[in-house]
Protein backbone atom coordinates (compact mmCIF):
# COMPACT_ATOMS: atom_id res chain seq x y z
CA MET A 1 0.18 -0.09 -0.09
CA LYS A 2 3.01 2.30 0.14
CA SER A 3 3.10 2.94 -3.48
CA LEU A 4 -0.93 4.07 -3.45
CA SER A 5 -0.39 6.40 -0.35
CA SER A 6 2.96 7.63 -1.95
CA ALA A 7 1.27 8.61 -5.38
CA LEU A 8 -1.59 10.24 -3.41
CA VAL A 9 0.56 12.28 -1.38
CA ILE A 10 2.91 13.52 -4.14
CA VAL A 11 -0.14 14.84 -6.03
CA MET A 12 -0.11 17.85 -3.76
CA GLY A 13 2.91 20.36 -3.47
CA GLY A 14 3.90 23.29 -1.55
CA ALA A 15 6.43 25.61 -0.12
CA ILE A 16 7.73 27.30 3.12
CA LEU A 17 10.02 30.47 2.48
CA ALA A 18 11.47 32.81 4.82
CA PRO A 19 12.47 36.30 4.06
CA ALA A 20 15.86 37.12 3.94
CA GLY A 21 17.30 39.74 6.64
CA SER A 22 19.98 41.95 6.10
CA ALA A 23 23.09 42.09 8.70
CA ALA A 24 23.33 45.95 8.11
CA ALA A 25 19.50 46.34 8.75
CA VAL A 26 19.00 49.47 10.95
CA PRO A 27 17.12 48.57 14.19
CA SER A 28 13.48 49.45 14.12
CA SER A 29 10.75 49.12 16.66
CA ASP A 30 7.51 47.23 16.44
CA ASP A 31 5.52 50.58 16.30
CA ASP A 32 7.80 52.06 13.21
CA ARG A 33 7.07 48.98 11.59
CA LEU A 34 3.32 49.42 12.17
CA ALA A 35 3.59 52.87 11.18
CA VAL A 36 5.11 52.46 7.90
CA ARG A 37 2.49 49.25 7.10
CA ALA A 38 -0.49 51.48 8.19
CA ALA A 39 1.19 54.18 5.75
CA MET A 40 0.78 52.01 3.02
CA GLU A 41 -2.79 50.70 3.55
CA ALA A 42 -3.83 54.52 3.83
CA PHE A 43 -2.46 55.01 0.59
CA VAL A 44 -4.25 51.93 -0.78
CA SER A 45 -7.33 52.85 0.77
CA ALA A 46 -7.50 56.16 -0.54
CA PHE A 47 -6.81 54.87 -3.89
CA ASN A 48 -9.42 52.56 -3.73
CA ALA A 49 -11.57 55.44 -2.59
CA ALA A 50 -10.75 57.08 -6.04
CA ASP A 51 -10.06 60.00 -4.01
CA PRO A 52 -6.78 61.98 -5.74
CA LYS A 53 -6.70 64.68 -2.97
CA ALA A 54 -6.32 61.86 -0.06
CA ILE A 55 -3.80 60.03 -2.33
CA ALA A 56 -1.30 63.36 -2.60
CA SER A 57 -1.51 63.72 1.05
CA GLN A 58 0.40 60.40 1.59
CA TRP A 59 3.28 61.72 -0.45
CA THR A 60 6.02 64.70 0.77
CA GLU A 61 5.39 68.34 -0.61
CA GLN A 62 8.04 66.68 -3.07
CA GLY A 63 7.62 63.54 -3.36
CA GLU A 64 7.34 61.52 -6.70
CA TYR A 65 5.95 58.76 -8.46
CA ILE A 66 7.77 56.93 -11.15
CA ASP A 67 5.53 54.45 -13.46
CA GLU A 68 6.77 51.48 -15.54
CA GLN A 69 7.98 53.18 -18.49
CA GLY A 70 10.30 55.33 -15.97
CA ALA A 71 8.22 58.45 -16.39
CA ALA A 72 7.98 60.59 -13.14
CA ILE A 73 5.37 63.04 -11.75
CA ARG A 74 6.98 65.02 -8.65
CA GLY A 75 4.97 67.22 -6.18
CA ARG A 76 1.59 66.89 -4.41
CA GLU A 77 -0.28 69.56 -6.93
CA ALA A 78 1.00 67.38 -9.90
CA LEU A 79 0.00 63.90 -8.01
CA GLU A 80 -3.34 65.11 -7.61
CA GLU A 81 -3.65 66.03 -11.11
CA GLY A 82 -2.17 62.76 -12.41
CA PHE A 83 -4.43 60.78 -10.40
CA THR A 84 -7.62 62.54 -11.34
CA ALA A 85 -6.69 61.96 -14.93
CA PHE A 86 -6.13 58.25 -13.96
CA PHE A 87 -9.61 57.86 -12.44
CA GLU A 88 -11.43 59.94 -14.93
CA ALA A 89 -10.24 56.97 -17.53
CA ALA A 90 -10.61 54.21 -14.82
CA PRO A 91 -13.14 55.22 -12.19
CA ARG A 92 -13.52 51.90 -10.61
CA ALA A 93 -9.68 50.44 -10.28
CA ARG A 94 -8.82 48.87 -7.20
CA ALA A 95 -5.57 47.97 -6.11
CA GLU A 96 -4.08 45.09 -4.02
CA LEU A 97 -0.89 45.46 -2.15
CA HIS A 98 1.14 42.55 -1.27
CA PRO A 99 4.23 43.48 0.40
CA GLU A 100 7.22 41.26 0.74
CA ALA A 101 9.85 43.07 2.37
CA LEU A 102 10.27 46.37 4.69
CA ARG A 103 14.10 47.59 5.88
CA PHE A 104 14.96 50.66 7.50
CA LEU A 105 17.70 53.14 6.24
CA SER A 106 17.88 55.53 8.98
CA ARG A 107 15.90 56.27 12.04
CA ASP A 108 13.52 58.08 9.61
CA LEU A 109 13.70 56.50 6.47
CA ALA A 110 12.09 52.97 5.03
CA VAL A 111 12.02 50.96 2.17
CA ASP A 112 9.06 48.76 1.59
CA GLU A 113 8.92 46.18 -1.39
CA GLY A 114 6.32 43.66 -2.80
CA ARG A 115 3.68 43.69 -5.30
CA VAL A 116 0.97 45.25 -6.36
CA THR A 117 -2.10 44.53 -8.52
CA ILE A 118 -4.57 46.98 -10.21
CA ARG A 119 -7.95 45.63 -11.19
CA PHE A 120 -9.99 47.32 -13.78
CA GLU A 121 -13.55 46.55 -14.23
CA ASP A 122 -13.46 46.45 -17.89
CA ALA A 123 -11.64 44.48 -20.78
CA ARG A 124 -8.40 45.48 -19.30
CA GLY A 125 -8.67 42.70 -16.28
CA SER A 126 -5.64 43.72 -14.19
CA THR A 127 -2.39 44.50 -14.24
CA ARG A 128 0.70 43.85 -11.89
CA ALA A 129 3.63 45.25 -11.14
CA PHE A 130 6.86 45.26 -8.46
CA TYR A 131 6.75 48.44 -6.45
CA ARG A 132 9.57 49.86 -4.21
CA ALA A 133 8.30 53.19 -1.69
CA LEU A 134 10.80 55.04 -0.06
CA LEU A 135 8.93 56.61 3.17
CA ALA A 136 10.26 59.17 5.16
CA ARG A 137 9.30 60.14 8.89
CA ASP A 138 7.68 63.62 8.74
CA GLY A 139 6.59 64.97 12.35
CA ASP A 140 4.48 61.91 13.83
CA ARG A 141 3.47 60.62 9.86
CA TRP A 142 5.27 58.71 7.44
CA LEU A 143 4.94 59.45 4.00
CA LEU A 144 6.00 58.44 0.54
CA ALA A 145 9.05 60.14 -0.65
CA SER A 146 9.28 57.94 -3.67
CA LEU A 147 6.92 55.20 -5.20
CA GLN A 148 8.43 53.37 -8.34
CA GLU A 149 6.85 50.45 -10.21
CA THR A 150 8.36 47.66 -12.54
CA THR A 151 6.40 45.90 -14.74
CA ASP A 152 5.80 42.11 -13.45
CA THR A 153 5.63 39.98 -16.16
CA GLY A 154 6.19 36.51 -14.41
CA PRO A 155 3.78 33.72 -13.03
CA SER A 156 1.36 35.01 -10.52
CA LEU A 157 -0.41 33.11 -7.84
CA GLU A 158 -3.56 34.64 -8.56
CA GLU A 159 -4.01 32.66 -11.27
CA LEU A 160 -4.68 30.17 -8.72
CA ASP A 161 -7.13 32.32 -6.58
CA TRP A 162 -10.08 29.62 -7.40
CA LEU A 163 -8.25 27.27 -5.65
CA VAL A 164 -9.34 28.78 -2.14
CA GLY A 165 -11.94 26.70 -0.78
CA GLN A 166 -12.62 23.18 0.02
CA TRP A 167 -12.58 20.29 -2.45
CA LYS A 168 -13.14 16.53 -2.51
CA SER A 169 -12.46 13.46 -4.49
CA THR A 170 -12.47 9.80 -4.37
CA ASP A 171 -9.74 8.40 -6.74
CA PRO A 172 -10.09 4.96 -8.83
CA GLY A 173 -8.83 2.79 -5.76
CA GLY A 174 -11.50 4.17 -3.63
CA ALA A 175 -9.32 6.32 -1.34
CA GLU A 176 -11.11 9.87 -0.18
CA VAL A 177 -9.40 12.97 -0.57
CA ALA A 178 -10.31 16.18 1.38
CA THR A 179 -8.35 19.68 0.66
CA ARG A 180 -8.70 23.10 1.96
CA TYR A 181 -6.92 25.71 0.53
CA SER A 182 -6.36 29.44 2.00
CA TRP A 183 -4.15 32.58 1.57
CA ASN A 184 -1.57 33.39 4.39
CA GLU A 185 -2.10 36.82 5.44
CA SER A 186 -0.03 38.44 3.10
CA LYS A 187 -1.35 36.90 0.19
CA THR A 188 2.16 35.64 -0.68
CA PHE A 189 1.45 31.73 -0.24
CA LEU A 190 -1.66 29.35 -0.96
CA ILE A 191 -1.72 27.01 1.93
CA GLY A 192 -3.61 23.46 1.63
CA HIS A 193 -4.54 21.39 4.06
CA PHE A 194 -5.58 17.79 2.66
CA THR A 195 -6.50 14.39 4.38
CA ILE A 196 -6.21 10.93 2.57
CA GLU A 197 -8.72 8.17 3.87
CA PHE A 198 -7.86 4.43 2.40
CA ASP A 199 -8.04 1.07 3.97
CA GLU A 200 -9.18 2.34 7.28
CA ARG A 201 -6.14 4.75 7.38
CA ILE A 202 -6.00 8.57 7.40
CA LEU A 203 -2.91 10.33 6.00
CA ASP A 204 -2.61 14.29 6.20
CA GLY A 205 -0.20 16.91 5.25
CA VAL A 206 0.26 20.54 4.53
CA GLN A 207 1.19 22.05 0.95
CA VAL A 208 2.16 25.53 0.49
CA ILE A 209 2.41 27.02 -3.22
CA GLY A 210 4.42 30.22 -3.52
CA ILE A 211 6.59 32.25 -6.02
CA ASP A 212 9.87 31.10 -5.51
CA PRO A 213 12.33 34.05 -5.24
CA ALA A 214 15.35 32.26 -6.76
CA THR A 215 13.83 31.36 -10.19
CA GLY A 216 10.65 33.89 -10.12
CA GLY A 217 8.46 30.91 -10.80
CA ILE A 218 5.80 29.06 -9.05
CA ARG A 219 6.80 26.47 -6.94
CA SER A 220 5.22 23.87 -4.27
CA TRP A 221 6.20 22.01 -1.21
CA THR A 222 4.42 19.15 0.29
CA PHE A 223 4.75 17.94 3.79
CA GLU A 224 2.96 14.62 4.81
CA ALA A 225 2.24 13.50 8.27
CA GLU A 226 4.74 10.40 7.77
CA GLY A 227 7.69 12.38 7.25
CA GLY A 228 7.83 12.56 3.40
CA ILE A 229 8.62 15.83 1.84
CA GLY A 230 7.99 16.62 -2.27
CA GLU A 231 8.78 19.72 -4.33
CA ALA A 232 7.41 20.89 -7.61
CA ASP A 233 7.62 23.44 -10.08
CA TRP A 234 4.31 24.56 -11.71
CA GLN A 235 3.96 25.51 -15.35
CA GLN A 236 0.75 26.70 -17.04
CA ASP A 237 -0.26 26.04 -20.85
CA ASP A 238 -2.23 28.03 -23.29
CA GLN A 239 -5.39 26.21 -22.04
CA LYS A 240 -4.99 27.16 -18.68
CA HIS A 241 -4.04 23.77 -17.70
CA TRP A 242 -0.99 23.29 -15.04
CA THR A 243 1.37 20.66 -14.95
CA PHE A 244 3.71 20.41 -12.22
CA VAL A 245 6.85 17.62 -11.93
CA THR A 246 7.22 16.37 -8.55
CA GLU A 247 10.37 14.89 -6.93
CA ALA A 248 9.59 13.51 -3.24
CA THR A 249 11.57 11.67 -0.68
CA LEU A 250 9.35 9.54 1.32
CA ALA A 251 9.91 9.00 5.14
CA ASP A 252 12.19 5.81 4.31
CA GLY A 253 14.49 7.68 2.51
CA SER A 254 13.26 6.17 -1.08
CA SER A 255 12.60 8.66 -4.04
CA VAL A 256 9.30 9.41 -5.72
CA THR A 257 8.83 11.36 -9.22
CA ALA A 258 5.39 12.04 -10.91
CA THR A 259 3.92 14.43 -13.79
CA ASN A 260 0.79 15.59 -12.32
CA ILE A 261 -1.90 17.51 -14.70
CA LEU A 262 -4.20 19.92 -13.46
CA ARG A 263 -7.07 20.82 -15.97
CA ARG A 264 -9.69 23.46 -14.56
CA VAL A 265 -12.94 22.48 -15.90
CA ASP A 266 -15.00 25.62 -14.08
CA ASP A 267 -14.84 27.46 -10.71
CA ASP A 268 -16.35 24.42 -8.80
CA THR A 269 -14.22 21.54 -10.82
CA PHE A 270 -11.03 20.13 -11.89
CA THR A 271 -9.31 16.97 -12.89
CA LEU A 272 -5.81 16.10 -11.47
CA GLN A 273 -4.01 13.04 -13.28
CA SER A 274 -0.69 11.47 -12.45
CA THR A 275 1.52 10.00 -15.01
CA GLY A 276 5.46 9.17 -15.16
CA ARG A 277 5.09 7.82 -11.49
CA ALA A 278 7.88 5.87 -10.06
CA ILE A 279 9.34 5.07 -6.68
CA GLY A 280 12.81 4.52 -6.80
CA GLU A 281 13.55 2.36 -10.04
CA GLU A 282 9.92 0.91 -9.71
CA ALA A 283 7.75 2.56 -12.37
CA LEU A 284 4.07 2.78 -11.65
CA PRO A 285 1.18 2.80 -13.98
CA ASP A 286 -0.51 6.04 -14.72
CA MET A 287 -3.14 7.22 -12.64
CA PRO A 288 -6.69 8.39 -15.00
CA PRO A 289 -7.69 11.95 -14.37
CA VAL A 290 -9.69 12.21 -10.92
CA ARG A 291 -12.53 14.39 -10.77
CA VAL A 292 -11.98 16.82 -7.86
CA SER A 293 -15.35 19.05 -6.86
CA ARG A 294 -15.81 22.23 -4.45
CA VAL A 295 -17.32 21.47 -1.33
CA THR A 296 -20.40 23.96 -1.11
CA ALA A 297 -21.63 25.25 2.10
CA ALA A 298 -25.16 23.44 3.06
CA PRO A 299 -27.90 25.97 2.66
């Protein structure tokens, strides 16, 4: 039964990453870090309210915004005019900020970096960019001194946002699989908890899916209760299907490989197929596509 449990577990994937620290980082108080985060949140709130004056007030008097093409807008008056024109063309645009790193250059200067998504309610859909914000302490406030965006053309975890929720399936061998996906607080990782019931046994585990900063690609890491660990790189094709080749090591040290194909049928259904499976040198038969359905709340 080892091959069945391994085949089921390696179909999941995940990754836990810790932000890199800087040995030269300037010490900062928790109050300062919270204040900088609050300043960025206030900027986003003003943006989502489509309020150019409130947006401009989040900058220093001579603060600047630099877009993906390198064009700069400097000064509160020019910023207010620029955002007024922006909202005239896109009145319902909304921003989602995904901070990834915050460091202090001095007691009164901080750099916040991450990703930003702008969603439009028209054919433009959404745009993604990296941002780098320089914030300066001005009295008892932290204000934007400079905000620069760089186009993000790499893969996005938001392509997998539809996975959030609870899912269930039954594989051809009769194993019952239940999975629950959710975002972490900063929406930088999708976290899945799964259980597999078969032959009066229950296996559980955790899957974490994120952007690997070493490659810029989507990568998953899986940890199952008996001690096995798996990793996989995810690739999306033109049909919006996902292929992820998994390499895993079981608790006894044996290696497992498989190519898994996730095909999205609709918001509440996808199929999952595992091919090219092997434990060590022993090849295993391919698994046919398994239908996975969303668990909806009872009325």
